[in-house]
């Protein structure tokens, strides 16, 4: 399975991550995270593979996150509720997300990309 790269073209961090993948000749499927957000099942799979807390999948600096007051609500939400919320709006998801059948990364840190996606 090729690498799926969920990104938002206007996001500077996403552009840096995409450039890194291109410079390292890593093939990937480009997916616009707002127009085609990952499904609830895909997000659940990413969550399990990532080893991260589910709240790390939220774009905490996003306008939508603040508008919905999620900082205070996430602590009392169930995993199911969080996954449904994330799947409902790509702007709520921390980006970029890169995933294949074995691994997933959320956000972009060059060292992490080199370790996980580097050849």
Protein backbone atom coordinates (compact mmCIF):
# COMPACT_ATOMS: atom_id res chain seq x y z
CA UNK A 1 0.00 0.00 0.00
CA UNK A 2 1.34 3.40 -0.93
CA UNK A 3 1.60 6.19 1.59
CA UNK A 4 -1.59 8.22 1.99
CA UNK A 5 -0.81 11.86 2.68
CA UNK A 6 -3.72 13.87 4.10
CA UNK A 7 -2.97 17.56 3.82
CA UNK A 8 -4.39 21.06 3.46
CA UNK A 9 -2.62 22.97 0.66
CA UNK A 10 -2.78 26.33 2.48
CA UNK A 11 -1.02 24.86 5.53
CA UNK A 12 2.69 25.72 5.66
CA UNK A 13 3.55 22.63 7.74
CA UNK A 14 1.74 20.43 5.20
CA UNK A 15 3.70 22.01 2.34
CA UNK A 16 6.98 21.36 4.19
CA UNK A 17 6.04 17.72 4.75
CA UNK A 18 5.03 17.28 1.10
CA UNK A 19 8.31 18.82 -0.04
CA UNK A 20 10.24 16.46 2.26
CA UNK A 21 8.45 13.42 0.78
CA UNK A 22 9.12 14.64 -2.76
CA UNK A 23 12.81 15.37 -2.05
CA UNK A 24 13.22 11.87 -0.65
CA UNK A 25 11.46 10.27 -3.65
CA UNK A 26 8.73 8.75 -1.51
CA UNK A 27 5.61 7.92 -3.51
CA UNK A 28 2.37 9.05 -1.91
CA UNK A 29 -1.31 9.57 -2.61
CA UNK A 30 -2.20 13.21 -2.03
CA UNK A 31 -5.56 13.60 -0.24
CA UNK A 32 -7.10 17.00 0.58
CA UNK A 33 -8.00 16.64 4.26
CA UNK A 34 -10.91 19.10 4.10
CA UNK A 35 -12.48 17.93 0.84
CA UNK A 36 -11.89 14.22 1.62
CA UNK A 37 -11.39 13.83 5.37
CA UNK A 38 -10.55 10.37 6.67
CA UNK A 39 -13.57 8.34 7.77
CA UNK A 40 -14.26 7.46 11.37
CA UNK A 41 -12.93 3.93 10.73
CA UNK A 42 -9.77 5.28 9.08
CA UNK A 43 -9.22 7.65 12.00
CA UNK A 44 -9.70 4.78 14.48
CA UNK A 45 -7.08 2.78 12.57
CA UNK A 46 -4.67 5.75 12.53
CA UNK A 47 -5.22 6.22 16.26
CA UNK A 48 -4.41 2.58 17.04
CA UNK A 49 -1.29 2.55 14.81
CA UNK A 50 0.03 5.89 16.09
CA UNK A 51 0.36 5.09 19.78
CA UNK A 52 -0.77 8.67 20.43
CA UNK A 53 -3.59 9.91 22.63
CA UNK A 54 -6.68 10.59 20.51
CA UNK A 55 -6.68 14.26 21.55
CA UNK A 56 -3.35 14.61 19.67
CA UNK A 57 -5.34 14.21 16.43
CA UNK A 58 -7.15 17.52 17.04
CA UNK A 59 -5.93 20.71 15.39
CA UNK A 60 -5.80 22.65 18.66
CA UNK A 61 -4.65 25.85 16.97
CA UNK A 62 -7.55 25.82 14.50
CA UNK A 63 -10.39 28.30 14.51
CA UNK A 64 -13.03 25.54 14.49
CA UNK A 65 -11.48 23.90 17.58
CA UNK A 66 -11.71 27.21 19.46
CA UNK A 67 -15.22 28.01 18.17
CA UNK A 68 -16.51 24.67 19.48
CA UNK A 69 -14.77 25.13 22.83
CA UNK A 70 -13.16 21.72 22.50
CA UNK A 71 -10.33 22.46 24.93
CA UNK A 72 -12.79 22.01 27.79
CA UNK A 73 -15.00 19.35 26.16
CA UNK A 74 -12.44 16.74 25.07
CA UNK A 75 -11.73 15.58 28.62
CA UNK A 76 -15.30 14.35 29.04
CA UNK A 77 -15.87 13.01 25.52
CA UNK A 78 -15.74 9.30 24.75
CA UNK A 79 -13.35 7.90 22.15
CA UNK A 80 -16.35 7.24 19.92
CA UNK A 81 -17.56 10.85 20.20
CA UNK A 82 -14.08 12.20 19.43
CA UNK A 83 -13.73 9.99 16.36
CA UNK A 84 -17.16 11.07 15.08
CA UNK A 85 -16.29 14.72 15.60
CA UNK A 86 -12.93 14.40 13.82
CA UNK A 87 -14.53 12.57 10.88
CA UNK A 88 -17.20 15.28 10.57
CA UNK A 89 -14.78 18.11 9.70
CA UNK A 90 -11.28 17.90 8.22
CA UNK A 91 -10.43 21.32 9.71
CA UNK A 92 -10.57 19.76 13.18
CA UNK A 93 -7.84 17.24 12.33
CA UNK A 94 -4.17 17.97 13.03
CA UNK A 95 -2.32 17.84 9.76
CA UNK A 96 -0.66 16.50 7.81
CA UNK A 97 -1.39 12.83 8.43
CA UNK A 98 0.80 10.33 6.59
CA UNK A 99 -0.21 6.68 6.83
CA UNK A 100 0.44 3.30 5.28
CA UNK A 101 -0.59 -0.17 6.48
CA UNK A 102 2.05 -0.22 9.23
CA UNK A 103 2.56 3.31 10.53
CA UNK A 104 1.07 6.77 10.87
CA UNK A 105 2.48 10.22 11.61
CA UNK A 106 0.50 13.26 12.70
CA UNK A 107 1.99 16.67 12.04
CA UNK A 108 5.47 17.10 10.59
CA UNK A 109 8.79 16.66 12.32
CA UNK A 110 11.66 16.05 9.91
CA UNK A 111 13.40 13.58 12.26
CA UNK A 112 10.21 11.55 12.65
CA UNK A 113 9.62 11.48 8.89
CA UNK A 114 13.22 10.34 8.33
CA UNK A 115 12.83 7.58 10.91
CA UNK A 116 9.42 6.32 9.77
CA UNK A 117 9.18 7.16 6.06
CA UNK A 118 12.86 7.42 5.07
CA UNK A 119 14.13 4.60 2.89
